[in-house]
Amino acid sequence: MEVANGDALLRFCEDKISAVHGGDSTDYAILETPELFRRTAEYLEENFEGYAFIGASYDHSVVTALWSLSGDDSVLQEYKKSLQTYGLPSDDIQLGLRLTTSDTGVSGANLYPMLFLGKESRSLPLGSPLKLEHKNKADLAKFDSNLNLLYAQYSKALGNMQRMMEVYVLHPINAMLGVMKRIGVPKRYAMAVAEDFKIRTGGTACSVYEAY
């Protein structure tokens, strides 16, 4: 493929070119998807008492997998005690992990710590993901470094969630709308969320945790 200068890296899949990247590893670093999933599963097996593969999905651009992390983790047990102290639902709570990556440049190799809540396993994000972009000579060693930060990430995030239980807001709907506006949620979605919250709770004063 002729380019202005340097080299081009082409992703060829299912008889089609699905992406064109810069050919230098500083422009686009290849992180093989099967290897990312294998290393993640091995890390979970070594560091968590119990874990289960929930499922995965993929399309032409993004691949995602989900795991639940079970067992009597001390961090999670302390979190459940805090929920009970404040009279909040504490049953059927599990730590979770989502790995999302892409060969077409739309996502790095990103690890998303989360909670699964209730029998319907609603997902609740725990802080910011651990991201590794496909550039700056990223490699599997750097991905392993992010994996090794996971446990500390859960501990920090659950601690933040506990502190949110201690702070109350008099007008949670206004607070929610303000936060959603700041992070760029389209107004029609923000209003739908606010209306749903009002129907379920009455929109009365509550903890920041409940609003979140």
C-alpha atoms as a PDB file:
ATOM      1  CA  MET A   1       0.000   0.000   0.000  1.00  0.00           C
ATOM      2  CA  GLU A   2       1.479   3.336  -1.030  1.00  0.00           C
ATOM      3  CA  VAL A   3       1.751   5.875   1.793  1.00  0.00           C
ATOM      4  CA  ALA A   4       3.186   9.389   2.071  1.00  0.00           C
ATOM      5  CA  ASN A   5       6.243   8.214   4.036  1.00  0.00           C
ATOM      6  CA  GLY A   6       7.306   5.397   6.317  1.00  0.00           C
ATOM      7  CA  ASP A   7       5.392   2.127   6.596  1.00  0.00           C
ATOM      8  CA  ALA A   8       1.743   1.203   7.025  1.00  0.00           C
ATOM      9  CA  LEU A   9       0.388  -1.654   9.127  1.00  0.00           C
ATOM     10  CA  LEU A  10      -2.730  -3.323   7.715  1.00  0.00           C
ATOM     11  CA  ARG A  11      -5.173  -5.484   9.660  1.00  0.00           C
ATOM     12  CA  PHE A  12      -6.384  -8.198   7.266  1.00  0.00           C
ATOM     13  CA  CYS A  13      -9.327 -10.248   8.563  1.00  0.00           C
ATOM     14  CA  GLU A  14     -12.148 -12.231   6.959  1.00  0.00           C
ATOM     15  CA  ASP A  15     -10.916 -11.331   3.451  1.00  0.00           C
ATOM     16  CA  LYS A  16     -11.062  -7.628   4.211  1.00  0.00           C
ATOM     17  CA  ILE A  17      -8.778  -4.864   5.410  1.00  0.00           C
ATOM     18  CA  SER A  18     -10.394  -3.738   8.673  1.00  0.00           C
ATOM     19  CA  ALA A  19      -7.822  -1.151   9.763  1.00  0.00           C
ATOM     20  CA  VAL A  20      -4.778   0.775   8.620  1.00  0.00           C
ATOM     21  CA  HIS A  21      -2.253   1.901  11.242  1.00  0.00           C
ATOM     22  CA  GLY A  22       1.124   3.567  11.297  1.00  0.00           C
ATOM     23  CA  GLY A  23       3.804   0.941  10.759  1.00  0.00           C
ATOM     24  CA  ASP A  24       6.107   2.017  13.601  1.00  0.00           C
ATOM     25  CA  SER A  25       5.489   0.563  17.091  1.00  0.00           C
ATOM     26  CA  THR A  26       5.384   4.085  18.501  1.00  0.00           C
ATOM     27  CA  ASP A  27       2.403   4.755  16.219  1.00  0.00           C
ATOM     28  CA  TYR A  28       0.623   1.428  16.713  1.00  0.00           C
ATOM     29  CA  ALA A  29       1.878  -1.414  18.888  1.00  0.00           C
ATOM     30  CA  ILE A  30       0.391  -4.857  18.258  1.00  0.00           C
ATOM     31  CA  LEU A  31      -1.077  -6.538  21.359  1.00  0.00           C
ATOM     32  CA  GLU A  32      -2.305  -9.982  20.336  1.00  0.00           C
ATOM     33  CA  THR A  33      -5.874 -10.463  21.581  1.00  0.00           C
ATOM     34  CA  PRO A  34      -5.636 -14.198  22.490  1.00  0.00           C
ATOM     35  CA  GLU A  35      -2.541 -13.519  24.578  1.00  0.00           C
ATOM     36  CA  LEU A  36      -4.271 -10.690  26.474  1.00  0.00           C
ATOM     37  CA  PHE A  37      -7.138 -12.993  27.412  1.00  0.00           C
ATOM     38  CA  ARG A  38      -4.813 -15.844  28.390  1.00  0.00           C
ATOM     39  CA  ARG A  39      -2.741 -13.627  30.680  1.00  0.00           C
ATOM     40  CA  THR A  40      -5.849 -12.169  32.295  1.00  0.00           C
ATOM     41  CA  ALA A  41      -7.276 -15.620  33.056  1.00  0.00           C
ATOM     42  CA  GLU A  42      -3.945 -16.766  34.498  1.00  0.00           C
ATOM     43  CA  TYR A  43      -3.738 -13.689  36.730  1.00  0.00           C
ATOM     44  CA  LEU A  44      -7.260 -14.273  38.071  1.00  0.00           C
ATOM     45  CA  GLU A  45      -6.505 -17.936  38.749  1.00  0.00           C
ATOM     46  CA  GLU A  46      -3.407 -17.025  40.752  1.00  0.00           C
ATOM     47  CA  ASN A  47      -4.815 -14.081  42.716  1.00  0.00           C
ATOM     48  CA  PHE A  48      -8.483 -14.757  43.430  1.00  0.00           C
ATOM     49  CA  GLU A  49      -9.961 -17.727  45.285  1.00  0.00           C
ATOM     50  CA  GLY A  50     -12.756 -18.182  42.820  1.00  0.00           C
ATOM     51  CA  TYR A  51     -13.513 -16.686  39.457  1.00  0.00           C
ATOM     52  CA  ALA A  52     -15.859 -17.557  36.631  1.00  0.00           C
ATOM     53  CA  PHE A  53     -15.921 -16.636  32.984  1.00  0.00           C
ATOM     54  CA  ILE A  54     -19.321 -15.036  32.342  1.00  0.00           C
ATOM     55  CA  GLY A  55     -19.185 -14.447  28.629  1.00  0.00           C
ATOM     56  CA  ALA A  56     -17.712 -12.496  25.754  1.00  0.00           C
ATOM     57  CA  SER A  57     -18.707 -10.608  22.651  1.00  0.00           C
ATOM     58  CA  TYR A  58     -16.982  -9.347  19.544  1.00  0.00           C
ATOM     59  CA  ASP A  59     -17.668  -7.521  16.334  1.00  0.00           C
ATOM     60  CA  HIS A  60     -15.477  -6.166  13.541  1.00  0.00           C
ATOM     61  CA  SER A  61     -13.780  -3.677  15.852  1.00  0.00           C
ATOM     62  CA  VAL A  62     -14.011  -4.581  19.566  1.00  0.00           C
ATOM     63  CA  VAL A  63     -13.624  -7.718  21.701  1.00  0.00           C
ATOM     64  CA  THR A  64     -14.917  -7.858  25.303  1.00  0.00           C
ATOM     65  CA  ALA A  65     -14.884 -10.542  28.007  1.00  0.00           C
ATOM     66  CA  LEU A  66     -16.392 -10.584  31.507  1.00  0.00           C
ATOM     67  CA  TRP A  67     -15.413 -12.488  34.653  1.00  0.00           C
ATOM     68  CA  SER A  68     -16.968 -12.624  38.113  1.00  0.00           C
ATOM     69  CA  LEU A  69     -14.623 -12.912  41.089  1.00  0.00           C
ATOM     70  CA  SER A  70     -16.080 -14.882  43.970  1.00  0.00           C
ATOM     71  CA  GLY A  71     -14.660 -15.992  47.289  1.00  0.00           C
ATOM     72  CA  ASP A  72     -14.431 -14.439  50.748  1.00  0.00           C
ATOM     73  CA  ASP A  73     -12.305 -11.480  49.828  1.00  0.00           C
ATOM     74  CA  SER A  74     -11.659  -9.319  52.895  1.00  0.00           C
ATOM     75  CA  VAL A  75     -12.064  -6.059  50.942  1.00  0.00           C
ATOM     76  CA  LEU A  76     -15.468  -7.108  49.626  1.00  0.00           C
ATOM     77  CA  GLN A  77     -16.621  -8.337  53.052  1.00  0.00           C
ATOM     78  CA  GLU A  78     -15.772  -4.976  54.611  1.00  0.00           C
ATOM     79  CA  TYR A  79     -17.689  -3.288  51.819  1.00  0.00           C
ATOM     80  CA  LYS A  80     -20.752  -5.436  52.510  1.00  0.00           C
ATOM     81  CA  LYS A  81     -20.592  -4.522  56.206  1.00  0.00           C
ATOM     82  CA  SER A  82     -20.670  -0.841  55.288  1.00  0.00           C
ATOM     83  CA  LEU A  83     -23.742  -1.413  53.117  1.00  0.00           C
ATOM     84  CA  GLN A  84     -25.469  -3.172  56.013  1.00  0.00           C
ATOM     85  CA  THR A  85     -24.544  -0.345  58.402  1.00  0.00           C
ATOM     86  CA  TYR A  86     -26.280   2.190  56.157  1.00  0.00           C
ATOM     87  CA  GLY A  87     -29.260  -0.065  55.438  1.00  0.00           C
ATOM     88  CA  LEU A  88     -28.354  -0.565  51.795  1.00  0.00           C
ATOM     89  CA  PRO A  89     -28.781  -3.828  49.832  1.00  0.00           C
ATOM     90  CA  SER A  90     -25.805  -6.090  50.462  1.00  0.00           C
ATOM     91  CA  ASP A  91     -26.869  -9.477  49.048  1.00  0.00           C
ATOM     92  CA  ASP A  92     -25.607 -11.031  45.825  1.00  0.00           C
ATOM     93  CA  ILE A  93     -22.598  -8.749  45.406  1.00  0.00           C
ATOM     94  CA  GLN A  94     -19.541  -9.909  43.514  1.00  0.00           C
ATOM     95  CA  LEU A  95     -16.446  -8.278  42.171  1.00  0.00           C
ATOM     96  CA  GLY A  96     -16.203  -8.326  38.399  1.00  0.00           C
ATOM     97  CA  LEU A  97     -13.725  -7.600  35.656  1.00  0.00           C
ATOM     98  CA  ARG A  98     -14.189  -6.579  32.052  1.00  0.00           C
ATOM     99  CA  LEU A  99     -11.390  -6.722  29.489  1.00  0.00           C
ATOM    100  CA  THR A 100     -11.930  -4.789  26.278  1.00  0.00           C
ATOM    101  CA  THR A 101      -9.508  -4.580  23.399  1.00  0.00           C
ATOM    102  CA  SER A 102      -9.389  -3.989  19.657  1.00  0.00           C
ATOM    103  CA  ASP A 103      -7.235  -4.675  16.627  1.00  0.00           C
ATOM    104  CA  THR A 104      -8.645  -1.710  14.727  1.00  0.00           C
ATOM    105  CA  GLY A 105      -7.504   1.109  17.007  1.00  0.00           C
ATOM    106  CA  VAL A 106     -10.822   1.966  18.694  1.00  0.00           C
ATOM    107  CA  SER A 107      -9.754   0.615  22.107  1.00  0.00           C
ATOM    108  CA  GLY A 108      -6.568  -0.154  23.950  1.00  0.00           C
ATOM    109  CA  ALA A 109      -6.118  -3.239  26.143  1.00  0.00           C
ATOM    110  CA  ASN A 110      -8.317  -1.905  28.943  1.00  0.00           C
ATOM    111  CA  LEU A 111      -9.219  -3.514  32.280  1.00  0.00           C
ATOM    112  CA  TYR A 112     -12.434  -2.333  33.956  1.00  0.00           C
ATOM    113  CA  PRO A 113     -12.905  -3.270  37.647  1.00  0.00           C
ATOM    114  CA  MET A 114     -16.597  -3.470  38.549  1.00  0.00           C
ATOM    115  CA  LEU A 115     -19.227  -4.821  40.903  1.00  0.00           C
ATOM    116  CA  PHE A 116     -22.107  -7.105  40.002  1.00  0.00           C
ATOM    117  CA  LEU A 117     -25.172  -6.290  42.107  1.00  0.00           C
ATOM    118  CA  GLY A 118     -28.304  -8.314  42.816  1.00  0.00           C
ATOM    119  CA  LYS A 119     -29.664 -11.441  41.223  1.00  0.00           C
ATOM    120  CA  GLU A 120     -29.842  -9.671  37.872  1.00  0.00           C
ATOM    121  CA  SER A 121     -26.077  -8.921  38.121  1.00  0.00           C
ATOM    122  CA  ARG A 122     -26.325  -5.222  37.341  1.00  0.00           C
ATOM    123  CA  SER A 123     -22.843  -3.875  36.690  1.00  0.00           C
ATOM    124  CA  LEU A 124     -21.442  -0.919  38.634  1.00  0.00           C
ATOM    125  CA  PRO A 125     -18.125   0.587  37.473  1.00  0.00           C
ATOM    126  CA  LEU A 126     -15.425   0.888  40.128  1.00  0.00           C
ATOM    127  CA  GLY A 127     -13.396   3.956  39.287  1.00  0.00           C
ATOM    128  CA  SER A 128     -11.371   4.447  36.143  1.00  0.00           C
ATOM    129  CA  PRO A 129     -10.133   1.561  33.973  1.00  0.00           C
ATOM    130  CA  LEU A 130      -6.505   0.522  33.719  1.00  0.00           C
ATOM    131  CA  LYS A 131      -5.703   1.465  30.128  1.00  0.00           C
ATOM    132  CA  LEU A 132      -2.911   0.451  27.792  1.00  0.00           C
ATOM    133  CA  GLU A 133      -3.083   2.183  24.433  1.00  0.00           C
ATOM    134  CA  HIS A 134      -1.712   0.543  21.295  1.00  0.00           C
ATOM    135  CA  LYS A 135       1.151   3.012  20.978  1.00  0.00           C
ATOM    136  CA  ASN A 136       4.438   4.155  22.507  1.00  0.00           C
ATOM    137  CA  LYS A 137       5.860   0.649  22.058  1.00  0.00           C
ATOM    138  CA  ALA A 138       3.243  -0.895  24.364  1.00  0.00           C
ATOM    139  CA  ASP A 139       3.889  -4.573  25.015  1.00  0.00           C
ATOM    140  CA  LEU A 140       2.583  -7.507  27.061  1.00  0.00           C
ATOM    141  CA  ALA A 141       4.941  -6.707  29.943  1.00  0.00           C
ATOM    142  CA  LYS A 142       3.135  -3.385  30.385  1.00  0.00           C
ATOM    143  CA  PHE A 143      -0.193  -5.201  30.288  1.00  0.00           C
ATOM    144  CA  ASP A 144       1.070  -7.546  33.031  1.00  0.00           C
ATOM    145  CA  SER A 145       1.963  -4.465  35.086  1.00  0.00           C
ATOM    146  CA  ASN A 146      -1.638  -3.264  34.827  1.00  0.00           C
ATOM    147  CA  LEU A 147      -2.896  -6.694  35.873  1.00  0.00           C
ATOM    148  CA  ASN A 148      -0.722  -6.497  38.975  1.00  0.00           C
ATOM    149  CA  LEU A 149      -2.419  -3.211  39.904  1.00  0.00           C
ATOM    150  CA  LEU A 150      -5.891  -4.736  39.845  1.00  0.00           C
ATOM    151  CA  TYR A 151      -6.164  -5.803  43.485  1.00  0.00           C
ATOM    152  CA  ALA A 152      -5.086  -2.372  44.712  1.00  0.00           C
ATOM    153  CA  GLN A 153      -7.571  -0.824  42.279  1.00  0.00           C
ATOM    154  CA  TYR A 154     -10.446  -2.777  43.849  1.00  0.00           C
ATOM    155  CA  SER A 155      -9.354  -1.797  47.348  1.00  0.00           C
ATOM    156  CA  LYS A 156      -9.084   1.891  46.477  1.00  0.00           C
ATOM    157  CA  ALA A 157     -12.376   1.983  44.576  1.00  0.00           C
ATOM    158  CA  LEU A 158     -14.368   0.186  47.272  1.00  0.00           C
ATOM    159  CA  GLY A 159     -12.922   2.573  49.841  1.00  0.00           C
ATOM    160  CA  ASN A 160     -14.157   5.496  47.751  1.00  0.00           C
ATOM    161  CA  MET A 161     -17.600   3.883  47.494  1.00  0.00           C
ATOM    162  CA  GLN A 162     -17.740   3.504  51.270  1.00  0.00           C
ATOM    163  CA  ARG A 163     -16.977   7.190  51.709  1.00  0.00           C
ATOM    164  CA  MET A 164     -19.806   8.013  49.299  1.00  0.00           C
ATOM    165  CA  MET A 165     -22.227   6.324  51.711  1.00  0.00           C
ATOM    166  CA  GLU A 166     -21.350   8.901  54.370  1.00  0.00           C
ATOM    167  CA  VAL A 167     -22.200  11.973  52.250  1.00  0.00           C
ATOM    168  CA  TYR A 168     -25.811  13.002  51.673  1.00  0.00           C
ATOM    169  CA  VAL A 169     -27.303  15.264  49.032  1.00  0.00           C
ATOM    170  CA  LEU A 170     -30.607  17.127  49.554  1.00  0.00           C
ATOM    171  CA  HIS A 171     -31.388  17.304  45.834  1.00  0.00           C
ATOM    172  CA  PRO A 172     -29.973  14.141  44.228  1.00  0.00           C
ATOM    173  CA  ILE A 173     -31.678  14.649  40.859  1.00  0.00           C
ATOM    174  CA  ASN A 174     -30.041  18.045  40.403  1.00  0.00           C
ATOM    175  CA  ALA A 175     -26.717  16.514  41.409  1.00  0.00           C
ATOM    176  CA  MET A 176     -27.135  13.645  38.941  1.00  0.00           C
ATOM    177  CA  LEU A 177     -28.074  15.978  36.084  1.00  0.00           C
ATOM    178  CA  GLY A 178     -25.089  18.194  36.862  1.00  0.00           C
ATOM    179  CA  VAL A 179     -22.663  15.275  36.845  1.00  0.00           C
ATOM    180  CA  MET A 180     -24.092  13.821  33.630  1.00  0.00           C
ATOM    181  CA  LYS A 181     -23.851  17.204  31.928  1.00  0.00           C
ATOM    182  CA  ARG A 182     -20.226  17.547  32.990  1.00  0.00           C
ATOM    183  CA  ILE A 183     -19.204  14.134  31.609  1.00  0.00           C
ATOM    184  CA  GLY A 184     -21.095  14.680  28.361  1.00  0.00           C
ATOM    185  CA  VAL A 185     -24.143  12.431  28.662  1.00  0.00           C
ATOM    186  CA  PRO A 186     -26.714  13.604  26.058  1.00  0.00           C
ATOM    187  CA  LYS A 187     -29.581  15.501  27.654  1.00  0.00           C
ATOM    188  CA  ARG A 188     -32.307  13.081  26.511  1.00  0.00           C
ATOM    189  CA  TYR A 189     -30.534  10.180  28.258  1.00  0.00           C
ATOM    190  CA  ALA A 190     -29.811  12.225  31.369  1.00  0.00           C
ATOM    191  CA  MET A 191     -33.479  13.207  31.695  1.00  0.00           C
ATOM    192  CA  ALA A 192     -34.574   9.577  31.257  1.00  0.00           C
ATOM    193  CA  VAL A 193     -32.199   8.468  34.023  1.00  0.00           C
ATOM    194  CA  ALA A 194     -33.382  11.250  36.320  1.00  0.00           C
ATOM    195  CA  GLU A 195     -37.035  10.376  35.710  1.00  0.00           C
ATOM    196  CA  ASP A 196     -36.395   6.699  36.425  1.00  0.00           C
ATOM    197  CA  PHE A 197     -34.599   7.619  39.659  1.00  0.00           C
ATOM    198  CA  LYS A 198     -37.500   9.861  40.698  1.00  0.00           C
ATOM    199  CA  ILE A 199     -40.056   7.109  40.059  1.00  0.00           C
ATOM    200  CA  ARG A 200     -38.100   4.524  42.043  1.00  0.00           C
ATOM    201  CA  THR A 201     -37.023   6.695  44.982  1.00  0.00           C
ATOM    202  CA  GLY A 202     -39.211   9.789  44.974  1.00  0.00           C
ATOM    203  CA  GLY A 203     -36.154  11.955  44.390  1.00  0.00           C
ATOM    204  CA  THR A 204     -35.750  12.672  48.102  1.00  0.00           C
ATOM    205  CA  ALA A 205     -32.477  13.237  49.915  1.00  0.00           C
ATOM    206  CA  CYS A 206     -30.133  10.257  49.801  1.00  0.00           C
ATOM    207  CA  SER A 207     -26.474   9.346  50.002  1.00  0.00           C
ATOM    208  CA  VAL A 208     -24.128  10.100  47.129  1.00  0.00           C
ATOM    209  CA  TYR A 209     -23.667   6.320  46.829  1.00  0.00           C
ATOM    210  CA  GLU A 210     -27.389   5.803  46.129  1.00  0.00           C
ATOM    211  CA  ALA A 211     -27.386   8.551  43.525  1.00  0.00           C
ATOM    212  CA  TYR A 212     -24.302   7.020  41.895  1.00  0.00           C
END
